[in-house]
Amino acid sequence: MFHRRFLQNSLPPLILVCSLLFIYVQTLAPGLTWANAGSDGGDLIAAAAIAGVPHPTGYPLYLVLARAFQLLPVRSLAFRTNLFSAITTALAAWLVYELVRSLSSGSQKKQNWIAALTAGYAFGLAPLIWSQAVITEVYGLHALLVALILYLYVGPSQTAPSNRKRLDCWRGLALGLAACNHITIVLLVPIAFVLGSIQYKADGDGITNSQRSWFSSLKMDSGALLRQLGMFAAGLSLYLIIPLRAQANPPVNWGNVVTLGRFWWLVSGQLYQSYYLRFDWAESWIRIQALAALLLEQFGLPGVTLGLIGPFVFGTRSRIFILTIWTAVVFTAFAIVYGSVDSYVYLIPVFLSFAVWIGLSMVELNNQIVRWSPLLNIIFALLITGYLAGRSMAHVGQLDASTDVRAETFGREVLSAAPENALILAKGDRAVFTLWYYHFALGERPDLAVLAVDLLHFDWYQENLRSTYPSLIVPAPFPWPETVTRANPSRPACYAQYSDSTIFDCSTYTTPP
């Protein structure tokens, strides 16, 4: 009995997580990397390592957890932080598995581990998900927290009052902490609070929460709502570490959050509001087509077909339908409206929902096929999983970050060529964040002063430079590169940028005689 229970309940998710981790580690970046649009890595690694504040929106939960991984006694600082992405992504796939399995009951649950396993692999091996699992970015943790929220809101039924109260608290806390990793999680808050506060007419009627119609009762449980709101606020309180860190004047200190206005500037992402202004209705159809092509790239035509059927397995009034459809719609809309070149990463919750839908379709198909032959059921599931895995493996060359050494080559070239006590005027995220990683996180070339050209016009950055380099003269009110160079004639001035190759020039800025 124990062996059978282990084979059905524990072995499949263990195989899922271990196999995904093996794949991720084989393609994991060994150090700092720019692979898979991961140019923010140097900023995040440095901020986590020195108790700093990274670019908006601050990502306090990510900083705390990433720092824990950075303390592991293995390989480089960047590798340890990359490993954090791999582990959180594999755990997100495990929660996809658990979510799909939890939506079955009774004898169905004994067979539907097969469908759940297919869903887990569909998510974990999707090219976009894989690409973020092998670099330093916030999206592995983002996927894990979205999966956790879906699981808590549509997972196993909790009938005892004490269990319901405890579940309300966990739900609110998960939402609050998730917003401390990526602010877009607030898109899930309205529907989550509604679904979590529905008071059902009866419990113990043999229907799981995931299958109940939330339209069956419009009466809200105010206690459940208050518990969720309270714990949501408690989770959000983690943002308070940002002003606490800013008070210590770390070298990486975006916004220098010492006032309420600056705090709001950082956590609300005001720096990126121009991306919304770039939205053009004439281009929306082009972006929709691109997103549809990206969806097809993740799962292929059979996977997309299964996914489109999945939401309807438990009916359009089920909580799994409502929450996953909401997730897919709001994050798709956000990815379309947000005009950055990498807005596709905001589709990760969409693809997570789609993997769940694939699992739900497999649940229904498995329940039909198993009546004819249990063996045929397993063969069918293996074919679907093999197809999804095979499609993903075709993209390995694009996703593999294990051989990307561009960032580390650039950093080493600049630091080795820079004259003593030089001003390094770096332009672009790649150049700036890479040099921050080496200069601040690793403590290399302390004689240099690394300046981000694109940030010089911000008053908070000028304050940060004066605190980081006390001997550096930062002229006010407009410290352009030329004026900074003239104000510090004893320091050689060099320009650094990366554009297909390293650009490093110490003759661009001339100093007065």
Protein backbone atom coordinates (compact mmCIF):
# COMPACT_ATOMS: atom_id res chain seq x y z
CA MET A 1 0.00 0.00 0.00
CA PHE A 2 2.80 2.41 0.91
CA HIS A 3 4.66 1.70 -2.32
CA ARG A 4 1.52 2.22 -4.39
CA ARG A 5 0.76 5.50 -2.62
CA PHE A 6 4.36 6.64 -3.15
CA LEU A 7 4.23 5.77 -6.84
CA GLN A 8 0.98 7.68 -7.33
CA ASN A 9 1.51 10.69 -5.07
CA SER A 10 5.22 11.39 -4.64
CA LEU A 11 7.22 9.82 -7.45
CA PRO A 12 5.67 11.68 -10.44
CA PRO A 13 6.21 15.22 -9.06
CA LEU A 14 9.69 14.21 -7.87
CA ILE A 15 10.56 13.04 -11.38
CA LEU A 16 9.10 16.26 -12.80
CA VAL A 17 11.11 18.58 -10.57
CA CYS A 18 14.36 16.63 -10.78
CA SER A 19 14.23 16.24 -14.56
CA LEU A 20 13.45 19.93 -15.09
CA LEU A 21 16.24 20.95 -12.73
CA PHE A 22 18.65 18.69 -14.60
CA ILE A 23 17.69 20.32 -17.91
CA TYR A 24 17.86 23.83 -16.48
CA VAL A 25 21.26 23.30 -14.85
CA GLN A 26 22.68 21.92 -18.08
CA THR A 27 21.71 25.13 -19.85
CA LEU A 28 22.21 27.50 -16.90
CA ALA A 29 24.43 30.53 -17.33
CA PRO A 30 27.67 29.85 -15.38
CA GLY A 31 28.12 33.51 -14.54
CA LEU A 32 26.79 36.93 -15.42
CA THR A 33 24.87 36.72 -18.68
CA TRP A 34 22.94 38.76 -21.21
CA ALA A 35 21.30 35.68 -22.73
CA ASN A 36 17.52 35.56 -23.15
CA ALA A 37 17.11 39.35 -22.72
CA GLY A 38 18.69 39.10 -19.28
CA SER A 39 20.55 42.42 -19.25
CA ASP A 40 19.11 43.32 -15.80
CA GLY A 41 21.06 40.51 -14.15
CA GLY A 42 23.99 42.63 -12.99
CA ASP A 43 21.67 45.14 -11.33
CA LEU A 44 19.68 42.45 -9.50
CA ILE A 45 22.72 40.46 -8.40
CA ALA A 46 24.55 43.52 -7.13
CA ALA A 47 21.51 44.90 -5.29
CA ALA A 48 20.88 41.56 -3.58
CA ALA A 49 24.56 41.13 -2.65
CA ILE A 50 25.15 44.58 -1.12
CA ALA A 51 21.69 45.19 0.39
CA GLY A 52 20.94 47.73 -2.31
CA VAL A 53 17.84 48.75 -4.24
CA PRO A 54 17.53 47.66 -7.89
CA HIS A 55 15.60 49.32 -10.71
CA PRO A 56 11.84 49.91 -10.27
CA THR A 57 9.79 48.40 -8.80
CA GLY A 58 12.38 47.38 -6.22
CA TYR A 59 11.48 43.65 -5.99
CA PRO A 60 12.00 43.30 -2.21
CA LEU A 61 10.92 39.65 -1.96
CA TYR A 62 13.26 38.70 -4.78
CA LEU A 63 16.14 40.50 -3.10
CA VAL A 64 15.69 38.67 0.19
CA LEU A 65 15.38 35.20 -1.35
CA ALA A 66 18.10 35.74 -3.95
CA ARG A 67 20.48 36.81 -1.20
CA ALA A 68 19.84 33.54 0.61
CA PHE A 69 20.90 31.66 -2.53
CA GLN A 70 23.95 33.88 -2.92
CA LEU A 71 25.22 32.52 0.40
CA LEU A 72 25.47 28.99 -0.97
CA PRO A 73 29.10 27.78 -1.07
CA VAL A 74 29.10 26.92 -4.79
CA ARG A 75 30.74 28.52 -7.79
CA SER A 76 30.33 32.22 -8.63
CA LEU A 77 27.97 34.79 -7.15
CA ALA A 78 26.15 35.10 -10.48
CA PHE A 79 25.82 31.32 -10.83
CA ARG A 80 24.16 31.04 -7.42
CA THR A 81 21.67 33.74 -8.35
CA ASN A 82 20.97 32.06 -11.70
CA LEU A 83 20.36 28.82 -9.80
CA PHE A 84 17.64 30.58 -7.82
CA SER A 85 15.71 31.10 -11.08
CA ALA A 86 16.08 27.43 -12.03
CA ILE A 87 14.79 26.15 -8.69
CA THR A 88 11.82 28.52 -8.48
CA THR A 89 10.78 27.67 -12.04
CA ALA A 90 10.95 23.92 -11.34
CA LEU A 91 8.85 24.45 -8.21
CA ALA A 92 6.32 26.42 -10.26
CA ALA A 93 5.99 23.41 -12.58
CA TRP A 94 5.45 21.23 -9.52
CA LEU A 95 2.59 23.50 -8.38
CA VAL A 96 1.06 23.27 -11.86
CA TYR A 97 1.17 19.49 -11.39
CA GLU A 98 -0.42 19.69 -7.93
CA LEU A 99 -3.10 22.10 -9.12
CA VAL A 100 -4.23 19.87 -11.97
CA ARG A 101 -4.18 16.80 -9.75
CA SER A 102 -6.12 18.54 -6.98
CA LEU A 103 -8.98 19.25 -9.38
CA SER A 104 -9.81 15.54 -9.51
CA SER A 105 -11.35 13.48 -6.78
CA GLY A 106 -11.92 9.88 -5.83
CA SER A 107 -10.87 7.23 -8.30
CA GLN A 108 -10.15 9.88 -10.95
CA LYS A 109 -7.28 11.21 -8.86
CA LYS A 110 -5.47 7.88 -9.02
CA GLN A 111 -5.22 8.15 -12.80
CA ASN A 112 -4.90 11.88 -13.30
CA TRP A 113 -1.32 12.14 -12.10
CA ILE A 114 -0.58 11.39 -15.76
CA ALA A 115 -2.47 14.47 -16.92
CA ALA A 116 -0.90 16.54 -14.16
CA LEU A 117 2.56 15.43 -15.23
CA THR A 118 1.82 16.48 -18.81
CA ALA A 119 0.73 19.91 -17.56
CA GLY A 120 3.89 20.28 -15.47
CA TYR A 121 6.15 19.50 -18.42
CA ALA A 122 4.07 21.68 -20.75
CA PHE A 123 4.80 24.61 -18.48
CA GLY A 124 8.37 23.83 -17.44
CA LEU A 125 9.60 23.13 -20.98
CA ALA A 126 7.79 25.99 -22.71
CA PRO A 127 10.58 27.99 -24.41
CA LEU A 128 9.73 31.30 -22.73
CA ILE A 129 9.62 29.69 -19.28
CA TRP A 130 12.85 27.79 -19.90
CA SER A 131 14.58 30.97 -21.11
CA GLN A 132 13.93 32.72 -17.78
CA ALA A 133 14.90 29.69 -15.70
CA VAL A 134 18.56 29.82 -16.72
CA ILE A 135 19.37 33.49 -16.05
CA THR A 136 19.07 35.99 -13.23
CA GLU A 137 15.59 37.49 -13.47
CA VAL A 138 12.50 37.88 -11.32
CA TYR A 139 10.22 35.79 -13.52
CA GLY A 140 11.00 32.34 -12.13
CA LEU A 141 9.84 33.50 -8.73
CA HIS A 142 6.94 35.34 -10.38
CA ALA A 143 5.76 32.10 -12.00
CA LEU A 144 6.06 30.22 -8.71
CA LEU A 145 3.95 32.80 -6.87
CA VAL A 146 1.28 32.95 -9.60
CA ALA A 147 1.05 29.15 -9.48
CA LEU A 148 0.78 29.29 -5.69
CA ILE A 149 -2.06 31.82 -5.87
CA LEU A 150 -3.96 29.67 -8.37
CA TYR A 151 -3.43 26.61 -6.18
CA LEU A 152 -4.62 28.34 -3.00
CA TYR A 153 -7.73 29.74 -4.65
CA VAL A 154 -8.87 26.75 -6.70
CA GLY A 155 -7.06 23.84 -5.07
CA PRO A 156 -8.34 21.28 -2.56
CA SER A 157 -11.56 22.02 -0.71
CA GLN A 158 -11.25 23.24 2.89
CA THR A 159 -14.47 22.52 4.77
CA ALA A 160 -13.63 23.00 8.47
CA PRO A 161 -14.14 26.62 9.62
CA SER A 162 -10.67 26.75 11.15
CA ASN A 163 -9.18 25.53 7.89
CA ARG A 164 -11.11 28.12 5.90
CA LYS A 165 -9.84 30.92 8.14
CA ARG A 166 -6.29 29.66 7.83
CA LEU A 167 -6.69 29.39 4.07
CA ASP A 168 -7.95 32.99 3.88
CA CYS A 169 -4.78 34.13 5.64
CA TRP A 170 -2.50 32.15 3.36
CA ARG A 171 -4.30 33.48 0.31
CA GLY A 172 -3.94 37.12 1.33
CA LEU A 173 -0.32 36.66 2.37
CA ALA A 174 0.55 34.96 -0.93
CA LEU A 175 -0.97 37.86 -2.89
CA GLY A 176 0.88 40.45 -0.82
CA LEU A 177 4.25 38.73 -1.07
CA ALA A 178 3.76 38.09 -4.78
CA ALA A 179 3.19 41.83 -5.30
CA CYS A 180 6.53 42.36 -3.50
CA ASN A 181 8.21 40.41 -6.27
CA HIS A 182 6.35 41.76 -9.30
CA ILE A 183 3.79 44.52 -9.02
CA THR A 184 1.68 43.20 -11.92
CA ILE A 185 0.28 40.64 -9.48
CA VAL A 186 -2.21 43.34 -8.45
CA LEU A 187 -4.06 42.42 -11.65
CA LEU A 188 -5.15 39.23 -9.87
CA VAL A 189 -6.19 40.87 -6.61
CA PRO A 190 -9.81 41.88 -7.46
CA ILE A 191 -10.95 38.51 -8.78
CA ALA A 192 -8.97 36.61 -6.13
CA PHE A 193 -10.61 38.51 -3.29
CA VAL A 194 -14.05 37.95 -4.81
CA LEU A 195 -13.53 34.23 -5.30
CA GLY A 196 -11.97 33.88 -1.87
CA SER A 197 -14.90 35.60 -0.17
CA ILE A 198 -17.80 33.71 -1.73
CA GLN A 199 -19.94 32.04 0.96
CA TYR A 200 -21.33 28.77 -0.35
CA LYS A 201 -24.75 27.55 0.66
CA ALA A 202 -23.50 24.20 1.92
CA ASP A 203 -20.28 22.36 2.57
CA GLY A 204 -19.56 18.67 2.37
CA ASP A 205 -21.97 18.15 -0.53
CA GLY A 206 -19.46 16.15 -2.54
CA ILE A 207 -18.54 19.02 -4.83
CA THR A 208 -15.03 20.40 -4.73
CA ASN A 209 -14.52 24.15 -4.44
CA SER A 210 -12.96 24.19 -7.89
CA GLN A 211 -16.21 22.84 -9.37
CA ARG A 212 -18.63 25.09 -7.52
CA SER A 213 -20.42 27.85 -9.31
CA TRP A 214 -19.56 31.12 -7.62
CA PHE A 215 -22.79 32.43 -9.20
CA SER A 216 -24.71 29.99 -7.01
CA SER A 217 -24.50 32.49 -4.17
CA LEU A 218 -23.76 36.20 -4.33
CA LYS A 219 -23.43 36.48 -0.57
CA MET A 220 -19.95 37.55 0.44
CA ASP A 221 -18.20 36.38 3.58
CA SER A 222 -16.99 39.69 5.00
CA GLY A 223 -14.78 37.90 7.51
CA ALA A 224 -12.96 36.07 4.73
CA LEU A 225 -12.49 39.31 2.83
CA LEU A 226 -11.09 41.11 5.88
CA ARG A 227 -8.71 38.26 6.64
CA GLN A 228 -7.42 38.32 3.08
CA LEU A 229 -7.05 42.10 3.10
CA GLY A 230 -5.21 42.06 6.41
CA MET A 231 -2.69 39.45 5.32
CA PHE A 232 -2.34 41.10 1.92
CA ALA A 233 -1.28 44.28 3.71
CA ALA A 234 1.08 42.25 5.90
CA GLY A 235 2.72 40.78 2.81
CA LEU A 236 3.04 44.20 1.19
CA SER A 237 4.85 45.49 4.28
CA LEU A 238 7.98 43.82 2.92
CA TYR A 239 8.31 46.90 0.70
CA LEU A 240 9.43 48.74 3.83
CA ILE A 241 12.89 47.20 3.47
CA ILE A 242 13.45 49.50 0.48
CA PRO A 243 13.57 52.79 2.45
CA LEU A 244 15.50 51.01 5.20
CA ARG A 245 18.12 49.97 2.67
CA ALA A 246 18.15 53.42 1.07
CA GLN A 247 19.00 55.00 4.44
CA ALA A 248 22.31 53.09 4.41
CA ASN A 249 23.29 54.71 1.06
CA PRO A 250 24.30 51.53 -0.80
CA PRO A 251 26.11 52.06 -4.14
CA VAL A 252 23.17 50.54 -6.03
CA ASN A 253 20.30 52.64 -4.75
CA TRP A 254 17.65 53.40 -7.35
CA GLY A 255 15.45 56.32 -6.36
CA ASN A 256 17.31 56.92 -3.08
CA VAL A 257 13.97 56.33 -1.38
CA VAL A 258 14.14 58.72 1.55
CA THR A 259 10.80 60.48 0.87
CA LEU A 260 7.28 59.23 0.27
CA GLY A 261 7.30 60.72 -3.22
CA ARG A 262 10.44 58.83 -4.18
CA PHE A 263 9.06 55.65 -2.67
CA TRP A 264 5.99 55.92 -4.86
CA TRP A 265 8.16 56.75 -7.90
CA LEU A 266 10.06 53.51 -7.40
CA VAL A 267 7.34 51.00 -6.48
CA SER A 268 4.83 52.31 -9.04
CA GLY A 269 7.36 52.09 -11.86
CA GLN A 270 6.90 55.70 -12.97
CA LEU A 271 10.21 55.47 -14.82
CA TYR A 272 8.53 53.16 -17.33
CA GLN A 273 5.26 55.04 -17.85
CA SER A 274 6.46 56.14 -21.28
CA TYR A 275 6.04 52.54 -22.42
CA TYR A 276 2.28 52.92 -22.01
CA LEU A 277 2.36 56.14 -24.02
CA ARG A 278 3.93 54.28 -26.92
CA PHE A 279 0.83 52.13 -27.35
CA ASP A 280 -0.67 52.56 -30.79
CA TRP A 281 -4.05 51.10 -31.64
CA ALA A 282 -2.90 50.70 -35.23
CA GLU A 283 -0.14 48.37 -34.05
CA SER A 284 -2.28 46.42 -31.60
CA TRP A 285 -3.32 43.86 -34.20
CA ILE A 286 0.33 43.27 -35.12
CA ARG A 287 1.18 42.71 -31.45
CA ILE A 288 -1.77 40.33 -31.02
CA GLN A 289 -0.57 38.29 -33.99
CA ALA A 290 2.93 38.19 -32.53
CA LEU A 291 1.58 36.97 -29.19
CA ALA A 292 -0.49 34.29 -30.92
CA ALA A 293 2.62 33.11 -32.77
CA LEU A 294 4.49 33.02 -29.46
CA LEU A 295 1.73 30.88 -27.93
CA LEU A 296 1.98 28.46 -30.84
CA GLU A 297 5.74 28.36 -30.35
CA GLN A 298 5.30 27.30 -26.72
CA PHE A 299 2.89 24.41 -27.16
CA GLY A 300 2.44 23.66 -30.87
CA LEU A 301 -0.91 23.16 -32.57
CA PRO A 302 -1.91 20.01 -30.60
CA GLY A 303 -0.99 21.71 -27.32
CA VAL A 304 -2.87 24.88 -28.20
CA THR A 305 -5.90 22.81 -29.20
CA LEU A 306 -5.88 20.97 -25.89
CA GLY A 307 -5.40 24.23 -24.05
CA LEU A 308 -8.39 25.89 -25.69
CA ILE A 309 -10.60 23.00 -24.60
CA GLY A 310 -9.28 22.87 -21.04
CA PRO A 311 -11.08 25.83 -19.41
CA PHE A 312 -14.46 24.32 -20.19
CA VAL A 313 -13.84 20.90 -18.60
CA PHE A 314 -15.33 21.96 -15.25
CA GLY A 315 -17.78 24.43 -16.78
CA THR A 316 -17.72 28.18 -17.27
CA ARG A 317 -18.95 28.82 -13.71
CA SER A 318 -16.17 26.94 -12.00
CA ARG A 319 -13.56 28.83 -10.05
CA ILE A 320 -10.73 27.32 -12.09
CA PHE A 321 -12.36 28.66 -15.25
CA ILE A 322 -12.95 32.13 -13.82
CA LEU A 323 -9.53 32.61 -12.27
CA THR A 324 -7.43 31.23 -15.13
CA ILE A 325 -9.46 33.04 -17.80
CA TRP A 326 -9.08 36.27 -15.83
CA THR A 327 -5.33 35.65 -15.51
CA ALA A 328 -4.95 35.00 -19.22
CA VAL A 329 -7.01 38.04 -20.27
CA VAL A 330 -5.50 40.67 -17.96
CA PHE A 331 -1.89 39.65 -18.51
CA THR A 332 -2.38 39.39 -22.27
CA ALA A 333 -3.90 42.87 -22.29
CA PHE A 334 -1.00 44.18 -20.22
CA ALA A 335 1.56 42.65 -22.58
CA ILE A 336 -0.18 44.28 -25.55
CA VAL A 337 -0.50 47.73 -23.97
CA TYR A 338 2.99 47.80 -22.46
CA GLY A 339 5.22 49.00 -25.28
CA SER A 340 8.64 47.65 -24.23
CA VAL A 341 10.61 45.34 -26.50
CA ASP A 342 10.49 42.56 -23.90
CA SER A 343 6.80 42.84 -22.97
CA TYR A 344 6.39 39.19 -23.96
CA VAL A 345 7.74 38.14 -20.54
CA TYR A 346 4.49 39.38 -19.01
CA LEU A 347 2.80 36.44 -20.76
CA ILE A 348 4.32 33.97 -18.32
CA PRO A 349 1.11 33.82 -16.20
CA VAL A 350 -0.83 33.33 -19.44
CA PHE A 351 1.29 30.35 -20.44
CA LEU A 352 1.03 28.98 -16.91
CA SER A 353 -2.75 29.11 -17.18
CA PHE A 354 -2.53 27.51 -20.60
CA ALA A 355 -0.45 24.63 -19.18
CA VAL A 356 -3.16 24.11 -16.55
CA TRP A 357 -5.77 24.03 -19.31
CA ILE A 358 -3.74 21.41 -21.18
CA GLY A 359 -3.75 19.37 -17.98
CA LEU A 360 -7.52 19.74 -17.60
CA SER A 361 -8.06 18.55 -21.17
CA MET A 362 -5.82 15.59 -20.46
CA VAL A 363 -7.83 14.85 -17.32
CA GLU A 364 -11.01 14.54 -19.36
CA LEU A 365 -9.36 12.58 -22.15
CA ASN A 366 -7.66 10.23 -19.70
CA ASN A 367 -10.93 9.55 -17.93
CA GLN A 368 -12.44 8.51 -21.25
CA ILE A 369 -9.48 6.51 -22.54
CA VAL A 370 -8.85 4.63 -19.30
CA ARG A 371 -12.26 3.00 -19.66
CA TRP A 372 -10.97 1.28 -22.77
CA SER A 373 -7.41 0.56 -21.70
CA PRO A 374 -5.18 1.90 -18.90
CA LEU A 375 -2.15 1.13 -21.06
CA LEU A 376 -3.56 3.16 -23.96
CA ASN A 377 -4.07 6.03 -21.51
CA ILE A 378 -0.39 6.02 -20.56
CA ILE A 379 0.72 5.74 -24.20
CA PHE A 380 -1.45 8.71 -25.18
CA ALA A 381 -0.09 10.84 -22.33
CA LEU A 382 3.49 9.91 -23.24
CA LEU A 383 2.88 10.91 -26.85
CA ILE A 384 1.52 14.32 -25.88
CA THR A 385 4.27 14.95 -23.35
CA GLY A 386 6.90 13.75 -25.82
CA TYR A 387 5.53 16.08 -28.47
CA LEU A 388 5.65 19.09 -26.15
CA ALA A 389 9.14 18.19 -24.95
CA GLY A 390 10.37 17.60 -28.48
CA ARG A 391 9.16 21.01 -29.62
CA SER A 392 10.95 22.67 -26.72
CA MET A 393 14.18 20.75 -27.31
CA ALA A 394 14.24 22.19 -30.83
CA HIS A 395 14.79 25.61 -29.22
CA VAL A 396 17.70 24.56 -27.00
CA GLY A 397 20.20 26.43 -29.15
CA GLN A 398 18.33 29.69 -28.57
CA LEU A 399 17.70 29.10 -24.85
CA ASP A 400 21.03 27.66 -23.75
CA ALA A 401 22.87 30.26 -21.67
CA SER A 402 25.71 27.96 -20.60
CA THR A 403 28.10 29.29 -23.25
CA ASP A 404 27.18 32.98 -23.14
CA VAL A 405 30.26 34.85 -21.89
CA ARG A 406 29.61 38.23 -23.51
CA ALA A 407 28.86 40.04 -20.25
CA GLU A 408 31.84 38.65 -18.39
CA THR A 409 34.15 39.28 -21.35
CA PHE A 410 32.98 42.89 -21.53
CA GLY A 411 33.42 43.43 -17.81
CA ARG A 412 36.90 41.93 -17.76
CA GLU A 413 38.00 43.90 -20.83
CA VAL A 414 36.86 47.23 -19.40
CA LEU A 415 38.29 46.68 -15.92
CA SER A 416 41.63 45.46 -17.24
CA ALA A 417 42.00 48.34 -19.74
CA ALA A 418 40.81 51.17 -17.48
CA PRO A 419 43.57 53.53 -16.28
CA GLU A 420 44.10 53.96 -12.56
CA ASN A 421 41.48 56.18 -10.85
CA ALA A 422 39.56 56.51 -14.10
CA LEU A 423 36.02 57.77 -14.52
CA ILE A 424 34.11 55.07 -16.40
CA LEU A 425 31.15 56.71 -18.12
CA ALA A 426 29.00 53.71 -19.02
CA LYS A 427 26.00 53.86 -21.32
CA GLY A 428 23.22 51.30 -21.68
CA ASP A 429 21.89 48.66 -19.29
CA ARG A 430 24.35 46.01 -20.41
CA ALA A 431 27.42 48.12 -19.76
CA VAL A 432 26.18 49.77 -16.57
CA PHE A 433 24.81 46.68 -14.84
CA THR A 434 27.79 44.54 -15.80
CA LEU A 435 30.21 47.06 -14.33
CA TRP A 436 28.06 47.40 -11.20
CA TYR A 437 28.30 43.65 -10.76
CA TYR A 438 32.09 43.62 -10.93
CA HIS A 439 32.71 46.94 -9.20
CA PHE A 440 30.14 46.80 -6.38
CA ALA A 441 29.12 43.15 -5.92
CA LEU A 442 32.59 41.65 -6.43
CA GLY A 443 34.53 44.69 -5.20
CA GLU A 444 36.90 44.81 -8.17
CA ARG A 445 38.85 47.93 -9.14
CA PRO A 446 37.83 50.09 -6.15
CA ASP A 447 39.97 52.91 -7.56
CA LEU A 448 37.50 53.48 -10.41
CA ALA A 449 34.35 55.56 -10.40
CA VAL A 450 31.60 53.98 -12.50
CA LEU A 451 28.96 56.46 -13.69
CA ALA A 452 25.75 55.58 -15.52
CA VAL A 453 25.41 58.24 -18.24
CA ASP A 454 21.69 57.61 -18.68
CA LEU A 455 20.99 58.33 -14.98
CA LEU A 456 23.03 61.49 -14.51
CA HIS A 457 20.00 63.79 -14.85
CA PHE A 458 18.25 62.24 -11.80
CA ASP A 459 18.80 64.10 -8.54
CA TRP A 460 18.68 60.86 -6.57
CA TYR A 461 21.50 59.44 -8.70
CA GLN A 462 23.63 62.54 -8.18
CA GLU A 463 23.15 62.10 -4.43
CA ASN A 464 24.07 58.45 -4.79
CA LEU A 465 27.30 59.28 -6.64
CA ARG A 466 28.36 61.79 -3.97
CA SER A 467 27.75 59.20 -1.26
CA THR A 468 29.49 56.36 -3.13
CA TYR A 469 32.50 58.40 -4.27
CA PRO A 470 33.08 61.16 -1.67
CA SER A 471 36.08 62.57 -3.56
CA LEU A 472 34.14 62.80 -6.82
CA ILE A 473 32.90 66.26 -7.77
CA VAL A 474 29.38 66.05 -9.22
CA PRO A 475 28.51 69.53 -10.53
CA ALA A 476 24.94 70.76 -10.21
CA PRO A 477 22.36 71.09 -11.56
CA PHE A 478 23.11 69.27 -14.83
CA PRO A 479 26.13 66.96 -14.51
CA TRP A 480 26.55 65.91 -18.14
CA PRO A 481 29.52 63.63 -18.92
CA GLU A 482 31.58 66.56 -20.15
CA THR A 483 30.92 68.67 -17.06
CA VAL A 484 31.74 65.79 -14.73
CA THR A 485 34.97 65.20 -16.63
CA ARG A 486 35.97 68.87 -16.42
CA ALA A 487 35.14 68.97 -12.71
CA ASN A 488 37.49 66.03 -12.03
CA PRO A 489 40.61 66.81 -14.09
CA SER A 490 42.85 64.45 -12.11
CA ARG A 491 40.81 61.43 -13.23
CA PRO A 492 41.15 59.97 -16.75
CA ALA A 493 37.72 59.73 -18.36
CA CYS A 494 36.69 56.69 -20.40
CA TYR A 495 33.53 55.83 -22.30
CA ALA A 496 32.17 52.26 -22.11
CA GLN A 497 29.32 50.64 -24.02
CA TYR A 498 28.48 47.31 -25.57
CA SER A 499 26.98 47.11 -29.06
CA ASP A 500 27.76 43.73 -30.63
CA SER A 501 31.28 44.21 -29.25
CA THR A 502 33.03 46.10 -26.47
CA ILE A 503 33.37 49.83 -27.01
CA PHE A 504 35.91 51.36 -24.65
CA ASP A 505 37.44 54.74 -25.40
CA CYS A 506 39.52 56.93 -23.11
CA SER A 507 39.89 59.76 -25.66
CA THR A 508 36.22 60.71 -26.03
CA TYR A 509 36.17 63.18 -23.16
CA THR A 510 39.02 65.62 -23.00
CA THR A 511 40.13 67.29 -19.80
CA PRO A 512 41.40 70.86 -19.56
CA PRO A 513 45.17 71.40 -19.38
